[in-house]
Amino acid sequence: MSWGIARRSPMPDTRKASQARRGPRVAIVGAGVVGSVLGRILVEEGGEVVAVVSRRLASARQAGRFVRCRRVSTELSSIPPAAEIVYLTVPHAAIEEVAGALALHPGLRFDRLAVCHASGVLTADVLAPLAQRGATTFSFHPLQTFPRTFTPHRIVPSARGIFYGVDGSDRGVRMARRLARSLAGRVVIIPPESRVLYHAACVVASNHLTTLMAILREMFQGIGSSEHEFFRLFAPIVNATLENIRQTSPADALSGPVARGGLETVAAHLDAVRSVVPHLMPYYRAVSLETVRLARAKGSIDAGQEVALRKLIISRGSEESLFVESQ
C-alpha cells in the first residue's frame, strides 16, 4: 500500500478543548517500536496522541491500544486538524514519500502545524514539501536503542528522559524543545552538516558496544567457559568502567597494560588472540592502536613507549589486514 490521502470532509477543529492538558496533541505516522514507545511516554506525561497511522491497519490498532488512541487508520487523511505535531516514525527510506503525501492533506492548517521525523541521519530538509505549505519542520531523533525484537512496554523505561538530536529553524527548535519536555527529555542541536557523523557516533554507542559484548563473549568461550556466564562475570568491570568515564573522562578512566606501556603483556595478549580467535585480530589490533593513542593523550606513556607499542601491535598483524598504520 502506498501512502496517500483519501479525500473526505475535514474534521471539526477541537483546538480549544481541554486547556488544562500539559502536553501537545500529536499524530504518529508509523506504528513501529519507536512511535509506540514515544507515544506511550507522551500520554503518560500528560500529552495526547490524536491519531496513529500505519501502512497496516493491524499495526495501527496495536499501537493505538498501547498509546491509548482510538483513531487509527492506514490513511494520512485521518489525522485531525486538532493535531499540533505530526511525528513521522516511519522507516528512514519512507520519510520523503510520506512527507510529500502529507503535504497534500486537505484538512490541515499547516500554518498551525509542526511536523518532525525520527531519522538520525536525515535533516529537516527532507520535510521541505511541508515547510513550503507553512508547517514548522524539524528532525527529532531519539538518542536511544529500540530493538525490534523487544516489546514497546519493555523499552519505555529506558526511553524516558533521553536526548533527541534536533535540527531545524529557530521555530522548529522551539517546538522540538516543547515536544522533548512532553517526553520528559531534552534536545541536543546537531548542525545539518554534522548529521551523518552524529548518527555514526550513535552507532558506536549502541551497535558497536553490542558487537564488543559479542566479541567478549566469544573470547570467554575460548577459555572453555559457558557463554551464559560471560555477562554476569564481566558486568561489574563494564559498569565500573562506564561509571569511571562518567565521573572523569575516557583518558582518565583508562587503565591496563597499554596505559602502563607493558610491552610484554600486550605481546602475549596479541599472540593469544591470534592463536585462539584469529579472525578477531583485525579488531583487536585496531582497538589496541586506538588505546595507544588514548594512553598518550592521558600522559601515562611517553613518545618512546608509544612508538614501541605501535610497532609491536602492527608487527603482530598479517599482510592481509585492512587496518594499516596511517602514520
C-alpha atoms as a PDB file:
ATOM      1  CA  MET A   1       0.000   0.000   0.000  1.00  0.00           C
ATOM      2  CA  SER A   2       1.302   3.468  -0.830  1.00  0.00           C
ATOM      3  CA  TRP A   3       0.913   6.477   1.404  1.00  0.00           C
ATOM      4  CA  GLY A   4      -1.923   8.634   0.202  1.00  0.00           C
ATOM      5  CA  ILE A   5      -4.793  10.911   1.007  1.00  0.00           C
ATOM      6  CA  ALA A   6      -8.379   9.728   0.906  1.00  0.00           C
ATOM      7  CA  ARG A   7     -10.437  12.817   0.114  1.00  0.00           C
ATOM      8  CA  ARG A   8     -13.051  13.467   2.738  1.00  0.00           C
ATOM      9  CA  SER A   9     -14.625  16.335   4.613  1.00  0.00           C
ATOM     10  CA  PRO A  10     -12.309  17.936   7.180  1.00  0.00           C
ATOM     11  CA  MET A  11     -12.913  17.022  10.795  1.00  0.00           C
ATOM     12  CA  PRO A  12     -14.051  19.875  13.060  1.00  0.00           C
ATOM     13  CA  ASP A  13     -11.246  21.758  14.785  1.00  0.00           C
ATOM     14  CA  THR A  14     -11.179  20.998  18.513  1.00  0.00           C
ATOM     15  CA  ARG A  15      -8.189  23.173  19.446  1.00  0.00           C
ATOM     16  CA  LYS A  16      -9.995  24.994  22.235  1.00  0.00           C
ATOM     17  CA  ALA A  17     -10.838  21.861  24.199  1.00  0.00           C
ATOM     18  CA  SER A  18      -9.065  20.947  27.399  1.00  0.00           C
ATOM     19  CA  GLN A  19      -6.865  23.932  28.145  1.00  0.00           C
ATOM     20  CA  ALA A  20      -5.617  22.113  31.211  1.00  0.00           C
ATOM     21  CA  ARG A  21      -3.608  19.497  29.303  1.00  0.00           C
ATOM     22  CA  ARG A  22       0.147  19.686  29.787  1.00  0.00           C
ATOM     23  CA  GLY A  23       1.413  18.213  26.537  1.00  0.00           C
ATOM     24  CA  PRO A  24       0.815  18.685  22.814  1.00  0.00           C
ATOM     25  CA  ARG A  25      -1.632  16.810  20.614  1.00  0.00           C
ATOM     26  CA  VAL A  26       0.500  14.520  18.469  1.00  0.00           C
ATOM     27  CA  ALA A  27      -0.355  12.346  15.490  1.00  0.00           C
ATOM     28  CA  ILE A  28       2.022   9.435  14.979  1.00  0.00           C
ATOM     29  CA  VAL A  29       2.694   8.155  11.467  1.00  0.00           C
ATOM     30  CA  GLY A  30       4.410   4.790  11.716  1.00  0.00           C
ATOM     31  CA  ALA A  31       3.240   2.191  14.221  1.00  0.00           C
ATOM     32  CA  GLY A  32       6.576   0.545  14.935  1.00  0.00           C
ATOM     33  CA  VAL A  33       8.507   0.350  18.180  1.00  0.00           C
ATOM     34  CA  VAL A  34       9.732   3.968  18.147  1.00  0.00           C
ATOM     35  CA  GLY A  35       6.313   5.506  17.590  1.00  0.00           C
ATOM     36  CA  SER A  36       4.675   3.185  20.108  1.00  0.00           C
ATOM     37  CA  VAL A  37       7.241   3.770  22.843  1.00  0.00           C
ATOM     38  CA  LEU A  38       7.386   7.562  22.492  1.00  0.00           C
ATOM     39  CA  GLY A  39       3.628   7.810  22.102  1.00  0.00           C
ATOM     40  CA  ARG A  40       3.141   5.932  25.346  1.00  0.00           C
ATOM     41  CA  ILE A  41       5.574   8.184  27.193  1.00  0.00           C
ATOM     42  CA  LEU A  42       3.823  11.236  25.776  1.00  0.00           C
ATOM     43  CA  VAL A  43       0.426  10.231  27.128  1.00  0.00           C
ATOM     44  CA  GLU A  44       1.881   9.192  30.475  1.00  0.00           C
ATOM     45  CA  GLU A  45       3.429  12.674  30.742  1.00  0.00           C
ATOM     46  CA  GLY A  46       0.149  14.439  30.012  1.00  0.00           C
ATOM     47  CA  GLY A  47       0.164  14.740  26.223  1.00  0.00           C
ATOM     48  CA  GLU A  48      -2.296  13.213  23.804  1.00  0.00           C
ATOM     49  CA  VAL A  49      -1.935  11.006  20.750  1.00  0.00           C
ATOM     50  CA  VAL A  50      -4.757  12.073  18.464  1.00  0.00           C
ATOM     51  CA  ALA A  51      -4.129   9.604  15.621  1.00  0.00           C
ATOM     52  CA  VAL A  52      -1.983   6.616  14.718  1.00  0.00           C
ATOM     53  CA  VAL A  53      -1.422   5.937  11.025  1.00  0.00           C
ATOM     54  CA  SER A  54       0.341   2.904   9.612  1.00  0.00           C
ATOM     55  CA  ARG A  55       0.543   1.012   6.330  1.00  0.00           C
ATOM     56  CA  ARG A  56      -1.141  -1.935   8.039  1.00  0.00           C
ATOM     57  CA  LEU A  57      -4.348  -1.470   9.999  1.00  0.00           C
ATOM     58  CA  ALA A  58      -3.439  -4.287  12.392  1.00  0.00           C
ATOM     59  CA  SER A  59      -0.236  -2.463  13.336  1.00  0.00           C
ATOM     60  CA  ALA A  60      -2.093   0.827  13.759  1.00  0.00           C
ATOM     61  CA  ARG A  61      -4.633  -0.828  16.051  1.00  0.00           C
ATOM     62  CA  GLN A  62      -1.964  -2.492  18.155  1.00  0.00           C
ATOM     63  CA  ALA A  63      -0.021   0.748  18.557  1.00  0.00           C
ATOM     64  CA  GLY A  64      -3.254   2.664  19.186  1.00  0.00           C
ATOM     65  CA  ARG A  65      -4.105   0.439  22.120  1.00  0.00           C
ATOM     66  CA  PHE A  66      -0.639   0.908  23.563  1.00  0.00           C
ATOM     67  CA  VAL A  67      -0.696   4.710  23.274  1.00  0.00           C
ATOM     68  CA  ARG A  68      -4.372   4.973  24.289  1.00  0.00           C
ATOM     69  CA  CYS A  69      -5.594   6.348  20.986  1.00  0.00           C
ATOM     70  CA  ARG A  70      -8.798   5.179  19.286  1.00  0.00           C
ATOM     71  CA  ARG A  71      -8.283   7.000  15.995  1.00  0.00           C
ATOM     72  CA  VAL A  72      -6.244   4.514  13.955  1.00  0.00           C
ATOM     73  CA  SER A  73      -6.019   4.275  10.198  1.00  0.00           C
ATOM     74  CA  THR A  74      -3.994   3.492   7.106  1.00  0.00           C
ATOM     75  CA  GLU A  75      -4.785   6.923   5.645  1.00  0.00           C
ATOM     76  CA  LEU A  76      -2.986  10.161   6.374  1.00  0.00           C
ATOM     77  CA  SER A  77      -6.304  11.947   5.912  1.00  0.00           C
ATOM     78  CA  SER A  78      -7.409  10.545   9.277  1.00  0.00           C
ATOM     79  CA  ILE A  79      -5.054  12.981  11.020  1.00  0.00           C
ATOM     80  CA  PRO A  80      -7.407  15.584  12.551  1.00  0.00           C
ATOM     81  CA  PRO A  81      -6.953  19.351  12.374  1.00  0.00           C
ATOM     82  CA  ALA A  82      -6.582  19.271  16.156  1.00  0.00           C
ATOM     83  CA  ALA A  83      -3.111  17.754  15.749  1.00  0.00           C
ATOM     84  CA  GLU A  84      -0.384  20.189  16.732  1.00  0.00           C
ATOM     85  CA  ILE A  85       2.531  17.932  15.822  1.00  0.00           C
ATOM     86  CA  VAL A  86       2.796  15.092  13.323  1.00  0.00           C
ATOM     87  CA  TYR A  87       5.677  12.791  14.197  1.00  0.00           C
ATOM     88  CA  LEU A  88       6.914  10.604  11.331  1.00  0.00           C
ATOM     89  CA  THR A  89       8.358   7.451  12.856  1.00  0.00           C
ATOM     90  CA  VAL A  90       8.281   5.533   9.593  1.00  0.00           C
ATOM     91  CA  PRO A  91      11.420   3.809   8.226  1.00  0.00           C
ATOM     92  CA  HIS A  92      14.187   6.092   7.026  1.00  0.00           C
ATOM     93  CA  ALA A  93      13.552   5.369   3.350  1.00  0.00           C
ATOM     94  CA  ALA A  94       9.834   6.223   3.585  1.00  0.00           C
ATOM     95  CA  ILE A  95      10.095   9.694   5.142  1.00  0.00           C
ATOM     96  CA  GLU A  96      10.375  11.645   1.895  1.00  0.00           C
ATOM     97  CA  GLU A  97       7.381   9.842   0.384  1.00  0.00           C
ATOM     98  CA  VAL A  98       5.244  10.316   3.480  1.00  0.00           C
ATOM     99  CA  ALA A  99       6.179  13.982   3.761  1.00  0.00           C
ATOM    100  CA  GLY A 100       5.140  14.569   0.174  1.00  0.00           C
ATOM    101  CA  ALA A 101       1.821  12.794   0.686  1.00  0.00           C
ATOM    102  CA  LEU A 102       1.124  14.584   3.959  1.00  0.00           C
ATOM    103  CA  ALA A 103       1.660  17.925   2.239  1.00  0.00           C
ATOM    104  CA  LEU A 104      -1.441  17.125   0.160  1.00  0.00           C
ATOM    105  CA  HIS A 105      -3.668  16.714   3.220  1.00  0.00           C
ATOM    106  CA  PRO A 106      -6.749  18.877   2.508  1.00  0.00           C
ATOM    107  CA  GLY A 107      -7.911  19.259   6.094  1.00  0.00           C
ATOM    108  CA  LEU A 108      -4.832  20.507   7.948  1.00  0.00           C
ATOM    109  CA  ARG A 109      -3.924  24.066   8.854  1.00  0.00           C
ATOM    110  CA  PHE A 110      -0.225  23.878   8.008  1.00  0.00           C
ATOM    111  CA  ASP A 111       0.453  27.322   9.458  1.00  0.00           C
ATOM    112  CA  ARG A 112      -0.560  25.885  12.833  1.00  0.00           C
ATOM    113  CA  LEU A 113       1.143  22.527  12.400  1.00  0.00           C
ATOM    114  CA  ALA A 114       4.603  21.185  13.209  1.00  0.00           C
ATOM    115  CA  VAL A 115       5.988  18.067  11.535  1.00  0.00           C
ATOM    116  CA  CYS A 116       9.097  16.168  12.562  1.00  0.00           C
ATOM    117  CA  HIS A 117      10.763  12.851  11.776  1.00  0.00           C
ATOM    118  CA  ALA A 118      12.709  10.331  13.839  1.00  0.00           C
ATOM    119  CA  SER A 119      15.599   9.644  11.453  1.00  0.00           C
ATOM    120  CA  GLY A 120      19.082  10.020  12.853  1.00  0.00           C
ATOM    121  CA  VAL A 121      20.806  10.625   9.537  1.00  0.00           C
ATOM    122  CA  LEU A 122      18.286  12.845   7.695  1.00  0.00           C
ATOM    123  CA  THR A 123      17.933  16.556   8.394  1.00  0.00           C
ATOM    124  CA  ALA A 124      14.785  18.659   8.487  1.00  0.00           C
ATOM    125  CA  ASP A 125      15.292  19.392   4.780  1.00  0.00           C
ATOM    126  CA  VAL A 126      13.582  16.127   3.866  1.00  0.00           C
ATOM    127  CA  LEU A 127      10.352  17.721   5.092  1.00  0.00           C
ATOM    128  CA  ALA A 128      10.617  20.592   2.590  1.00  0.00           C
ATOM    129  CA  PRO A 129       7.179  19.949   0.960  1.00  0.00           C
ATOM    130  CA  LEU A 130       5.579  20.542   4.339  1.00  0.00           C
ATOM    131  CA  ALA A 131       7.677  23.615   5.091  1.00  0.00           C
ATOM    132  CA  GLN A 132       6.545  25.012   1.743  1.00  0.00           C
ATOM    133  CA  ARG A 133       2.949  24.623   2.903  1.00  0.00           C
ATOM    134  CA  GLY A 134       3.764  26.684   6.005  1.00  0.00           C
ATOM    135  CA  ALA A 135       4.361  23.903   8.529  1.00  0.00           C
ATOM    136  CA  THR A 136       7.101  24.157  11.146  1.00  0.00           C
ATOM    137  CA  THR A 137       9.560  21.335  10.466  1.00  0.00           C
ATOM    138  CA  PHE A 138      12.400  19.777  12.418  1.00  0.00           C
ATOM    139  CA  SER A 139      14.214  16.491  12.910  1.00  0.00           C
ATOM    140  CA  PHE A 140      13.653  14.723  16.220  1.00  0.00           C
ATOM    141  CA  HIS A 141      15.856  11.653  16.573  1.00  0.00           C
ATOM    142  CA  PRO A 142      15.616   9.721  19.866  1.00  0.00           C
ATOM    143  CA  LEU A 143      19.126   9.026  21.096  1.00  0.00           C
ATOM    144  CA  GLN A 144      18.326   5.558  22.372  1.00  0.00           C
ATOM    145  CA  THR A 145      18.230   1.979  21.121  1.00  0.00           C
ATOM    146  CA  PHE A 146      14.879   0.443  20.101  1.00  0.00           C
ATOM    147  CA  PRO A 147      15.444  -3.274  19.335  1.00  0.00           C
ATOM    148  CA  ARG A 148      12.654  -4.566  17.130  1.00  0.00           C
ATOM    149  CA  THR A 149      12.720  -7.886  18.970  1.00  0.00           C
ATOM    150  CA  PHE A 150      11.714  -6.116  22.205  1.00  0.00           C
ATOM    151  CA  THR A 151       8.139  -5.212  23.067  1.00  0.00           C
ATOM    152  CA  PRO A 152       7.392  -1.474  23.368  1.00  0.00           C
ATOM    153  CA  HIS A 153       6.424  -1.975  27.007  1.00  0.00           C
ATOM    154  CA  ARG A 154       9.912  -3.300  27.739  1.00  0.00           C
ATOM    155  CA  ILE A 155      11.621  -0.259  26.166  1.00  0.00           C
ATOM    156  CA  VAL A 156       9.515   2.520  27.714  1.00  0.00           C
ATOM    157  CA  PRO A 157      11.575   2.859  30.947  1.00  0.00           C
ATOM    158  CA  SER A 158      14.880   3.276  29.078  1.00  0.00           C
ATOM    159  CA  ALA A 159      13.376   5.800  26.631  1.00  0.00           C
ATOM    160  CA  ARG A 160      12.127   8.198  29.279  1.00  0.00           C
ATOM    161  CA  GLY A 161      14.350  11.219  29.891  1.00  0.00           C
ATOM    162  CA  ILE A 162      16.622  10.722  26.878  1.00  0.00           C
ATOM    163  CA  PHE A 163      18.123  13.261  24.481  1.00  0.00           C
ATOM    164  CA  TYR A 164      16.780  13.979  20.995  1.00  0.00           C
ATOM    165  CA  GLY A 165      19.039  15.016  18.122  1.00  0.00           C
ATOM    166  CA  VAL A 166      17.414  18.072  16.533  1.00  0.00           C
ATOM    167  CA  ASP A 167      17.913  20.403  13.608  1.00  0.00           C
ATOM    168  CA  GLY A 168      15.567  22.910  12.028  1.00  0.00           C
ATOM    169  CA  SER A 169      14.614  26.570  12.022  1.00  0.00           C
ATOM    170  CA  ASP A 170      14.512  28.585  15.239  1.00  0.00           C
ATOM    171  CA  ARG A 171      10.781  27.979  15.394  1.00  0.00           C
ATOM    172  CA  GLY A 172      11.333  24.277  14.756  1.00  0.00           C
ATOM    173  CA  VAL A 173      13.897  24.046  17.549  1.00  0.00           C
ATOM    174  CA  ARG A 174      11.477  25.764  19.943  1.00  0.00           C
ATOM    175  CA  MET A 175       8.807  23.236  19.059  1.00  0.00           C
ATOM    176  CA  ALA A 176      11.339  20.403  19.436  1.00  0.00           C
ATOM    177  CA  ARG A 177      12.117  21.589  22.949  1.00  0.00           C
ATOM    178  CA  ARG A 178       8.418  21.595  23.781  1.00  0.00           C
ATOM    179  CA  LEU A 179       7.986  18.077  22.436  1.00  0.00           C
ATOM    180  CA  ALA A 180      11.066  16.860  24.304  1.00  0.00           C
ATOM    181  CA  ARG A 181       9.741  18.279  27.566  1.00  0.00           C
ATOM    182  CA  SER A 182       6.482  16.442  26.910  1.00  0.00           C
ATOM    183  CA  LEU A 183       8.522  13.248  26.692  1.00  0.00           C
ATOM    184  CA  ALA A 184      10.494  14.029  29.876  1.00  0.00           C
ATOM    185  CA  GLY A 185      13.545  14.500  27.644  1.00  0.00           C
ATOM    186  CA  ARG A 186      15.976  17.117  26.348  1.00  0.00           C
ATOM    187  CA  VAL A 187      17.325  18.151  22.968  1.00  0.00           C
ATOM    188  CA  VAL A 188      20.816  18.369  21.545  1.00  0.00           C
ATOM    189  CA  ILE A 189      21.183  20.605  18.492  1.00  0.00           C
ATOM    190  CA  ILE A 190      23.000  18.873  15.619  1.00  0.00           C
ATOM    191  CA  PRO A 191      24.236  21.094  12.761  1.00  0.00           C
ATOM    192  CA  PRO A 192      22.814  19.738   9.484  1.00  0.00           C
ATOM    193  CA  GLU A 193      26.297  19.270   8.023  1.00  0.00           C
ATOM    194  CA  SER A 194      27.231  17.067  11.005  1.00  0.00           C
ATOM    195  CA  ARG A 195      24.101  14.943  10.983  1.00  0.00           C
ATOM    196  CA  VAL A 196      25.672  11.851   9.398  1.00  0.00           C
ATOM    197  CA  LEU A 197      28.677  11.922  11.747  1.00  0.00           C
ATOM    198  CA  TYR A 198      26.288  12.317  14.683  1.00  0.00           C
ATOM    199  CA  HIS A 199      24.410   9.230  13.586  1.00  0.00           C
ATOM    200  CA  ALA A 200      27.666   7.310  13.142  1.00  0.00           C
ATOM    201  CA  ALA A 201      28.509   8.223  16.740  1.00  0.00           C
ATOM    202  CA  CYS A 202      25.141   6.835  17.825  1.00  0.00           C
ATOM    203  CA  VAL A 203      26.027   3.604  16.032  1.00  0.00           C
ATOM    204  CA  VAL A 204      29.285   3.416  18.001  1.00  0.00           C
ATOM    205  CA  ALA A 205      27.421   3.996  21.273  1.00  0.00           C
ATOM    206  CA  SER A 206      24.908   1.227  20.678  1.00  0.00           C
ATOM    207  CA  ASN A 207      25.706  -1.123  17.804  1.00  0.00           C
ATOM    208  CA  HIS A 208      29.470  -1.203  18.275  1.00  0.00           C
ATOM    209  CA  LEU A 209      29.058  -1.687  22.005  1.00  0.00           C
ATOM    210  CA  THR A 210      26.784  -4.634  21.265  1.00  0.00           C
ATOM    211  CA  THR A 211      29.401  -6.050  18.906  1.00  0.00           C
ATOM    212  CA  LEU A 212      32.063  -5.551  21.570  1.00  0.00           C
ATOM    213  CA  MET A 213      29.989  -7.591  24.018  1.00  0.00           C
ATOM    214  CA  ALA A 214      29.616 -10.331  21.383  1.00  0.00           C
ATOM    215  CA  ILE A 215      33.399 -10.365  20.944  1.00  0.00           C
ATOM    216  CA  LEU A 216      33.878 -10.520  24.706  1.00  0.00           C
ATOM    217  CA  ARG A 217      31.524 -13.489  24.885  1.00  0.00           C
ATOM    218  CA  GLU A 218      33.383 -15.276  22.096  1.00  0.00           C
ATOM    219  CA  MET A 219      36.748 -14.745  23.774  1.00  0.00           C
ATOM    220  CA  PHE A 220      35.301 -16.012  27.045  1.00  0.00           C
ATOM    221  CA  GLN A 221      34.097 -19.127  25.265  1.00  0.00           C
ATOM    222  CA  GLY A 222      37.668 -19.546  24.013  1.00  0.00           C
ATOM    223  CA  ILE A 223      38.812 -20.373  27.545  1.00  0.00           C
ATOM    224  CA  GLY A 224      36.184 -23.107  27.794  1.00  0.00           C
ATOM    225  CA  SER A 225      33.567 -21.298  29.852  1.00  0.00           C
ATOM    226  CA  SER A 226      29.842 -21.213  29.290  1.00  0.00           C
ATOM    227  CA  GLU A 227      28.636 -18.251  27.239  1.00  0.00           C
ATOM    228  CA  HIS A 228      25.734 -17.854  29.670  1.00  0.00           C
ATOM    229  CA  GLU A 229      28.165 -16.801  32.396  1.00  0.00           C
ATOM    230  CA  PHE A 230      30.001 -14.109  30.490  1.00  0.00           C
ATOM    231  CA  PHE A 231      27.746 -11.141  31.257  1.00  0.00           C
ATOM    232  CA  ARG A 232      27.354 -11.950  34.940  1.00  0.00           C
ATOM    233  CA  LEU A 233      31.127 -12.224  35.207  1.00  0.00           C
ATOM    234  CA  PHE A 234      32.053  -9.088  33.251  1.00  0.00           C
ATOM    235  CA  ALA A 235      29.148  -6.811  34.214  1.00  0.00           C
ATOM    236  CA  PRO A 236      30.933  -5.365  37.284  1.00  0.00           C
ATOM    237  CA  ILE A 237      34.034  -4.307  35.336  1.00  0.00           C
ATOM    238  CA  VAL A 238      31.958  -2.976  32.436  1.00  0.00           C
ATOM    239  CA  ASN A 239      29.695  -0.984  34.746  1.00  0.00           C
ATOM    240  CA  ALA A 240      32.622   0.325  36.795  1.00  0.00           C
ATOM    241  CA  THR A 241      34.416   1.446  33.642  1.00  0.00           C
ATOM    242  CA  LEU A 242      31.350   3.329  32.415  1.00  0.00           C
ATOM    243  CA  GLU A 243      30.934   4.978  35.799  1.00  0.00           C
ATOM    244  CA  ASN A 244      34.612   5.963  35.877  1.00  0.00           C
ATOM    245  CA  ILE A 245      34.235   7.553  32.445  1.00  0.00           C
ATOM    246  CA  ARG A 246      31.087   9.370  33.562  1.00  0.00           C
ATOM    247  CA  GLN A 247      32.841  10.807  36.581  1.00  0.00           C
ATOM    248  CA  THR A 248      36.032  11.803  34.766  1.00  0.00           C
ATOM    249  CA  SER A 249      36.822  11.175  31.070  1.00  0.00           C
ATOM    250  CA  PRO A 250      37.818   8.258  28.816  1.00  0.00           C
ATOM    251  CA  ALA A 251      41.501   9.169  29.148  1.00  0.00           C
ATOM    252  CA  ASP A 252      41.364   9.488  32.943  1.00  0.00           C
ATOM    253  CA  ALA A 253      39.474   6.195  33.235  1.00  0.00           C
ATOM    254  CA  LEU A 254      41.944   4.256  31.059  1.00  0.00           C
ATOM    255  CA  SER A 255      43.903   1.536  32.843  1.00  0.00           C
ATOM    256  CA  GLY A 256      45.589  -1.707  31.817  1.00  0.00           C
ATOM    257  CA  PRO A 257      48.775  -2.823  30.060  1.00  0.00           C
ATOM    258  CA  VAL A 258      48.711  -0.308  27.189  1.00  0.00           C
ATOM    259  CA  ALA A 259      48.225   2.578  29.611  1.00  0.00           C
ATOM    260  CA  ARG A 260      51.245   1.291  31.552  1.00  0.00           C
ATOM    261  CA  GLY A 261      53.396   0.704  28.484  1.00  0.00           C
ATOM    262  CA  GLY A 262      53.511  -3.022  29.226  1.00  0.00           C
ATOM    263  CA  LEU A 263      55.043  -4.393  26.018  1.00  0.00           C
ATOM    264  CA  GLU A 264      55.403  -7.997  27.201  1.00  0.00           C
ATOM    265  CA  THR A 265      51.791  -8.251  28.324  1.00  0.00           C
ATOM    266  CA  VAL A 266      50.464  -6.635  25.136  1.00  0.00           C
ATOM    267  CA  ALA A 267      52.565  -9.039  23.052  1.00  0.00           C
ATOM    268  CA  ALA A 268      51.217 -12.018  24.986  1.00  0.00           C
ATOM    269  CA  HIS A 269      47.643 -10.834  24.504  1.00  0.00           C
ATOM    270  CA  LEU A 270      48.086 -10.430  20.761  1.00  0.00           C
ATOM    271  CA  ASP A 271      49.619 -13.901  20.461  1.00  0.00           C
ATOM    272  CA  ALA A 272      46.764 -15.450  22.453  1.00  0.00           C
ATOM    273  CA  VAL A 273      44.102 -13.791  20.312  1.00  0.00           C
ATOM    274  CA  ARG A 274      45.873 -14.860  17.116  1.00  0.00           C
ATOM    275  CA  SER A 275      46.127 -18.433  18.397  1.00  0.00           C
ATOM    276  CA  VAL A 276      42.572 -18.947  19.718  1.00  0.00           C
ATOM    277  CA  VAL A 277      40.354 -16.484  17.834  1.00  0.00           C
ATOM    278  CA  PRO A 278      42.461 -15.381  14.831  1.00  0.00           C
ATOM    279  CA  HIS A 279      39.522 -13.811  12.995  1.00  0.00           C
ATOM    280  CA  LEU A 280      39.363 -11.198  15.784  1.00  0.00           C
ATOM    281  CA  MET A 281      42.912 -10.000  15.169  1.00  0.00           C
ATOM    282  CA  PRO A 282      41.936  -7.068  12.881  1.00  0.00           C
ATOM    283  CA  TYR A 283      39.550  -5.801  15.568  1.00  0.00           C
ATOM    284  CA  TYR A 284      41.972  -6.368  18.438  1.00  0.00           C
ATOM    285  CA  ARG A 285      44.865  -4.672  16.673  1.00  0.00           C
ATOM    286  CA  ALA A 286      42.803  -1.675  15.549  1.00  0.00           C
ATOM    287  CA  VAL A 287      41.373  -1.052  19.016  1.00  0.00           C
ATOM    288  CA  SER A 288      44.771  -1.595  20.624  1.00  0.00           C
ATOM    289  CA  LEU A 289      46.268   1.078  18.377  1.00  0.00           C
ATOM    290  CA  GLU A 290      43.500   3.480  19.382  1.00  0.00           C
ATOM    291  CA  THR A 291      44.180   2.609  23.019  1.00  0.00           C
ATOM    292  CA  VAL A 292      47.822   3.572  22.496  1.00  0.00           C
ATOM    293  CA  ARG A 293      46.699   6.950  21.175  1.00  0.00           C
ATOM    294  CA  LEU A 294      44.429   7.408  24.203  1.00  0.00           C
ATOM    295  CA  ALA A 295      47.212   6.424  26.608  1.00  0.00           C
ATOM    296  CA  ARG A 296      49.494   9.012  25.026  1.00  0.00           C
ATOM    297  CA  ALA A 297      46.778  11.661  25.398  1.00  0.00           C
ATOM    298  CA  LYS A 298      46.406  10.602  29.028  1.00  0.00           C
ATOM    299  CA  GLY A 299      50.134  11.089  29.522  1.00  0.00           C
ATOM    300  CA  SER A 300      50.666   7.651  31.033  1.00  0.00           C
ATOM    301  CA  ILE A 301      53.167   6.686  28.302  1.00  0.00           C
ATOM    302  CA  ASP A 302      55.863   8.773  26.678  1.00  0.00           C
ATOM    303  CA  ALA A 303      56.674   9.145  22.977  1.00  0.00           C
ATOM    304  CA  GLY A 304      59.176   6.287  23.026  1.00  0.00           C
ATOM    305  CA  GLN A 305      56.687   3.890  24.607  1.00  0.00           C
ATOM    306  CA  GLU A 306      54.052   4.952  22.093  1.00  0.00           C
ATOM    307  CA  VAL A 307      56.341   4.111  19.171  1.00  0.00           C
ATOM    308  CA  ALA A 308      57.331   0.774  20.691  1.00  0.00           C
ATOM    309  CA  LEU A 309      53.714  -0.231  21.321  1.00  0.00           C
ATOM    310  CA  ARG A 310      52.643   0.748  17.814  1.00  0.00           C
ATOM    311  CA  LYS A 311      55.461  -1.239  16.222  1.00  0.00           C
ATOM    312  CA  LEU A 312      54.620  -4.257  18.352  1.00  0.00           C
ATOM    313  CA  ILE A 313      50.903  -4.185  17.538  1.00  0.00           C
ATOM    314  CA  ILE A 314      51.474  -3.676  13.816  1.00  0.00           C
ATOM    315  CA  SER A 315      54.091  -6.435  13.671  1.00  0.00           C
ATOM    316  CA  ARG A 316      51.625  -8.976  15.008  1.00  0.00           C
ATOM    317  CA  GLY A 317      49.226  -8.363  12.117  1.00  0.00           C
ATOM    318  CA  SER A 318      49.017 -10.212   8.819  1.00  0.00           C
ATOM    319  CA  GLU A 319      49.678  -8.594   5.469  1.00  0.00           C
ATOM    320  CA  GLU A 320      46.036  -9.148   4.614  1.00  0.00           C
ATOM    321  CA  SER A 321      44.810  -6.902   7.417  1.00  0.00           C
ATOM    322  CA  LEU A 322      42.742  -3.924   6.327  1.00  0.00           C
ATOM    323  CA  PHE A 323      43.935  -1.977   9.342  1.00  0.00           C
ATOM    324  CA  VAL A 324      47.124  -0.304   8.142  1.00  0.00           C
ATOM    325  CA  GLU A 325      49.167   2.122  10.208  1.00  0.00           C
ATOM    326  CA  SER A 326      48.427   5.601   8.907  1.00  0.00           C
ATOM    327  CA  GLN A 327      51.293   7.473  10.481  1.00  0.00           C
END
